[in-house]
């Protein structure tokens, strides 16, 4: 067993994604040593009907968003990278987490 840290050790990633590409990207970042926090929408994480998501959530800490977005905003503020679904940050936050846009001061890539 190696005692070396991964190339991304110390990088905090917040994974707000759905589908395939986003969860796999978060998995790969975790494989490289990043601290990945996967936030599931209110109601919980993957079901038994989505077995691949359990694999893609490896090397991630899991959290469930609540109706109170304060804790989520603090996670976003503390993240070095925020992964969002390809539908865009406003849609991801609006549909999955209950608000229309990322917290103020956060820039989202295109």
C-alpha atoms as a PDB file:
ATOM      1  CA  UNK A   1       0.000   0.000   0.000  1.00  0.00           C
ATOM      2  CA  UNK A   2       1.380   3.401  -0.993  1.00  0.00           C
ATOM      3  CA  UNK A   3       1.646   6.251   1.481  1.00  0.00           C
ATOM      4  CA  UNK A   4       1.879   8.876  -1.260  1.00  0.00           C
ATOM      5  CA  UNK A   5      -0.877  11.443  -1.541  1.00  0.00           C
ATOM      6  CA  UNK A   6      -2.645  11.870  -4.852  1.00  0.00           C
ATOM      7  CA  UNK A   7      -1.813  14.678  -7.239  1.00  0.00           C
ATOM      8  CA  UNK A   8      -4.936  16.585  -6.123  1.00  0.00           C
ATOM      9  CA  UNK A   9      -4.467  16.182  -2.367  1.00  0.00           C
ATOM     10  CA  UNK A  10      -5.765  19.288  -0.611  1.00  0.00           C
ATOM     11  CA  UNK A  11      -8.179  20.233  -3.408  1.00  0.00           C
ATOM     12  CA  UNK A  12     -11.811  20.417  -2.261  1.00  0.00           C
ATOM     13  CA  UNK A  13     -14.423  19.535  -4.894  1.00  0.00           C
ATOM     14  CA  UNK A  14     -18.175  19.963  -4.489  1.00  0.00           C
ATOM     15  CA  UNK A  15     -20.113  17.608  -6.774  1.00  0.00           C
ATOM     16  CA  UNK A  16     -23.654  18.808  -7.581  1.00  0.00           C
ATOM     17  CA  UNK A  17     -23.950  16.740 -10.736  1.00  0.00           C
ATOM     18  CA  UNK A  18     -26.407  14.208 -12.112  1.00  0.00           C
ATOM     19  CA  UNK A  19     -26.303  11.939 -15.134  1.00  0.00           C
ATOM     20  CA  UNK A  20     -23.089  10.186 -16.124  1.00  0.00           C
ATOM     21  CA  UNK A  21     -20.343  12.670 -17.024  1.00  0.00           C
ATOM     22  CA  UNK A  22     -20.460  14.715 -13.814  1.00  0.00           C
ATOM     23  CA  UNK A  23     -20.423  11.836 -11.329  1.00  0.00           C
ATOM     24  CA  UNK A  24     -17.621  10.130 -13.281  1.00  0.00           C
ATOM     25  CA  UNK A  25     -15.602  13.386 -13.328  1.00  0.00           C
ATOM     26  CA  UNK A  26     -16.006  13.661  -9.550  1.00  0.00           C
ATOM     27  CA  UNK A  27     -14.972  10.019  -9.164  1.00  0.00           C
ATOM     28  CA  UNK A  28     -11.805  10.589 -11.193  1.00  0.00           C
ATOM     29  CA  UNK A  29     -10.915  13.707  -9.185  1.00  0.00           C
ATOM     30  CA  UNK A  30     -11.380  11.668  -6.000  1.00  0.00           C
ATOM     31  CA  UNK A  31      -9.214   8.893  -7.440  1.00  0.00           C
ATOM     32  CA  UNK A  32      -6.479  11.512  -7.884  1.00  0.00           C
ATOM     33  CA  UNK A  33      -6.696  12.511  -4.221  1.00  0.00           C
ATOM     34  CA  UNK A  34      -9.146  15.414  -4.191  1.00  0.00           C
ATOM     35  CA  UNK A  35     -11.544  15.739  -1.247  1.00  0.00           C
ATOM     36  CA  UNK A  36     -14.877  15.327  -3.084  1.00  0.00           C
ATOM     37  CA  UNK A  37     -18.202  16.060  -1.395  1.00  0.00           C
ATOM     38  CA  UNK A  38     -21.195  14.718  -3.335  1.00  0.00           C
ATOM     39  CA  UNK A  39     -24.384  16.646  -2.524  1.00  0.00           C
ATOM     40  CA  UNK A  40     -27.586  14.780  -3.279  1.00  0.00           C
ATOM     41  CA  UNK A  41     -30.891  16.645  -3.649  1.00  0.00           C
ATOM     42  CA  UNK A  42     -33.409  16.627  -0.806  1.00  0.00           C
ATOM     43  CA  UNK A  43     -34.814  13.135  -0.552  1.00  0.00           C
ATOM     44  CA  UNK A  44     -31.521  11.307  -0.758  1.00  0.00           C
ATOM     45  CA  UNK A  45     -28.960   9.739  -2.972  1.00  0.00           C
ATOM     46  CA  UNK A  46     -28.957   7.054  -5.628  1.00  0.00           C
ATOM     47  CA  UNK A  47     -31.499   4.263  -5.476  1.00  0.00           C
ATOM     48  CA  UNK A  48     -31.033   0.569  -6.121  1.00  0.00           C
ATOM     49  CA  UNK A  49     -32.365   1.285  -9.631  1.00  0.00           C
ATOM     50  CA  UNK A  50     -29.212   3.319 -10.326  1.00  0.00           C
ATOM     51  CA  UNK A  51     -26.424   0.883  -9.378  1.00  0.00           C
ATOM     52  CA  UNK A  52     -23.710   2.665 -11.378  1.00  0.00           C
ATOM     53  CA  UNK A  53     -24.080   5.775  -9.226  1.00  0.00           C
ATOM     54  CA  UNK A  54     -22.890   3.799  -6.211  1.00  0.00           C
ATOM     55  CA  UNK A  55     -19.664   3.024  -8.071  1.00  0.00           C
ATOM     56  CA  UNK A  56     -19.245   6.594  -9.294  1.00  0.00           C
ATOM     57  CA  UNK A  57     -19.642   7.910  -5.733  1.00  0.00           C
ATOM     58  CA  UNK A  58     -16.485   6.113  -4.571  1.00  0.00           C
ATOM     59  CA  UNK A  59     -13.878   8.317  -2.861  1.00  0.00           C
ATOM     60  CA  UNK A  60     -16.590  10.882  -2.081  1.00  0.00           C
ATOM     61  CA  UNK A  61     -18.124  12.110   1.125  1.00  0.00           C
ATOM     62  CA  UNK A  62     -21.892  12.143   0.743  1.00  0.00           C
ATOM     63  CA  UNK A  63     -24.318  14.816   1.940  1.00  0.00           C
ATOM     64  CA  UNK A  64     -28.002  15.496   1.346  1.00  0.00           C
ATOM     65  CA  UNK A  65     -29.132  19.056   0.662  1.00  0.00           C
ATOM     66  CA  UNK A  66     -31.884  20.446   2.825  1.00  0.00           C
ATOM     67  CA  UNK A  67     -34.472  23.118   2.157  1.00  0.00           C
ATOM     68  CA  UNK A  68     -32.231  25.504   4.117  1.00  0.00           C
ATOM     69  CA  UNK A  69     -29.533  26.431   1.590  1.00  0.00           C
ATOM     70  CA  UNK A  70     -27.197  27.992   4.157  1.00  0.00           C
ATOM     71  CA  UNK A  71     -25.122  24.821   4.623  1.00  0.00           C
ATOM     72  CA  UNK A  72     -24.887  24.339   0.858  1.00  0.00           C
ATOM     73  CA  UNK A  73     -23.747  27.935   0.393  1.00  0.00           C
ATOM     74  CA  UNK A  74     -20.984  27.357   2.963  1.00  0.00           C
ATOM     75  CA  UNK A  75     -19.866  24.222   1.100  1.00  0.00           C
ATOM     76  CA  UNK A  76     -19.737  26.188  -2.158  1.00  0.00           C
ATOM     77  CA  UNK A  77     -17.735  28.975  -0.530  1.00  0.00           C
ATOM     78  CA  UNK A  78     -15.188  26.488   0.810  1.00  0.00           C
ATOM     79  CA  UNK A  79     -14.773  24.571  -2.446  1.00  0.00           C
ATOM     80  CA  UNK A  80     -11.922  24.967  -4.894  1.00  0.00           C
ATOM     81  CA  UNK A  81     -14.009  23.348  -7.652  1.00  0.00           C
ATOM     82  CA  UNK A  82     -17.794  23.093  -8.014  1.00  0.00           C
ATOM     83  CA  UNK A  83     -19.027  20.517 -10.510  1.00  0.00           C
ATOM     84  CA  UNK A  84     -22.490  21.184 -11.979  1.00  0.00           C
ATOM     85  CA  UNK A  85     -24.552  19.260 -14.512  1.00  0.00           C
ATOM     86  CA  UNK A  86     -24.432  20.101 -18.197  1.00  0.00           C
ATOM     87  CA  UNK A  87     -27.857  21.680 -17.927  1.00  0.00           C
ATOM     88  CA  UNK A  88     -26.120  24.689 -16.340  1.00  0.00           C
ATOM     89  CA  UNK A  89     -25.649  26.042 -12.842  1.00  0.00           C
ATOM     90  CA  UNK A  90     -28.991  27.822 -12.583  1.00  0.00           C
ATOM     91  CA  UNK A  91     -30.888  24.744 -13.703  1.00  0.00           C
ATOM     92  CA  UNK A  92     -28.858  22.452 -11.449  1.00  0.00           C
ATOM     93  CA  UNK A  93     -29.491  24.611  -8.400  1.00  0.00           C
ATOM     94  CA  UNK A  94     -33.099  25.309  -9.320  1.00  0.00           C
ATOM     95  CA  UNK A  95     -34.221  21.758 -10.065  1.00  0.00           C
ATOM     96  CA  UNK A  96     -32.039  19.830  -7.656  1.00  0.00           C
ATOM     97  CA  UNK A  97     -31.443  22.145  -4.759  1.00  0.00           C
ATOM     98  CA  UNK A  98     -34.294  24.623  -4.727  1.00  0.00           C
ATOM     99  CA  UNK A  99     -32.766  27.936  -5.759  1.00  0.00           C
ATOM    100  CA  UNK A 100     -32.253  29.691  -9.047  1.00  0.00           C
ATOM    101  CA  UNK A 101     -28.549  30.477  -8.997  1.00  0.00           C
ATOM    102  CA  UNK A 102     -25.240  29.776  -7.264  1.00  0.00           C
ATOM    103  CA  UNK A 103     -24.453  31.796  -4.138  1.00  0.00           C
ATOM    104  CA  UNK A 104     -23.218  35.341  -4.816  1.00  0.00           C
ATOM    105  CA  UNK A 105     -19.554  35.732  -5.605  1.00  0.00           C
ATOM    106  CA  UNK A 106     -19.089  32.336  -7.278  1.00  0.00           C
ATOM    107  CA  UNK A 107     -18.133  32.262 -10.938  1.00  0.00           C
ATOM    108  CA  UNK A 108     -19.370  29.346 -13.000  1.00  0.00           C
ATOM    109  CA  UNK A 109     -17.504  28.216 -16.088  1.00  0.00           C
ATOM    110  CA  UNK A 110     -19.221  27.604 -19.378  1.00  0.00           C
END
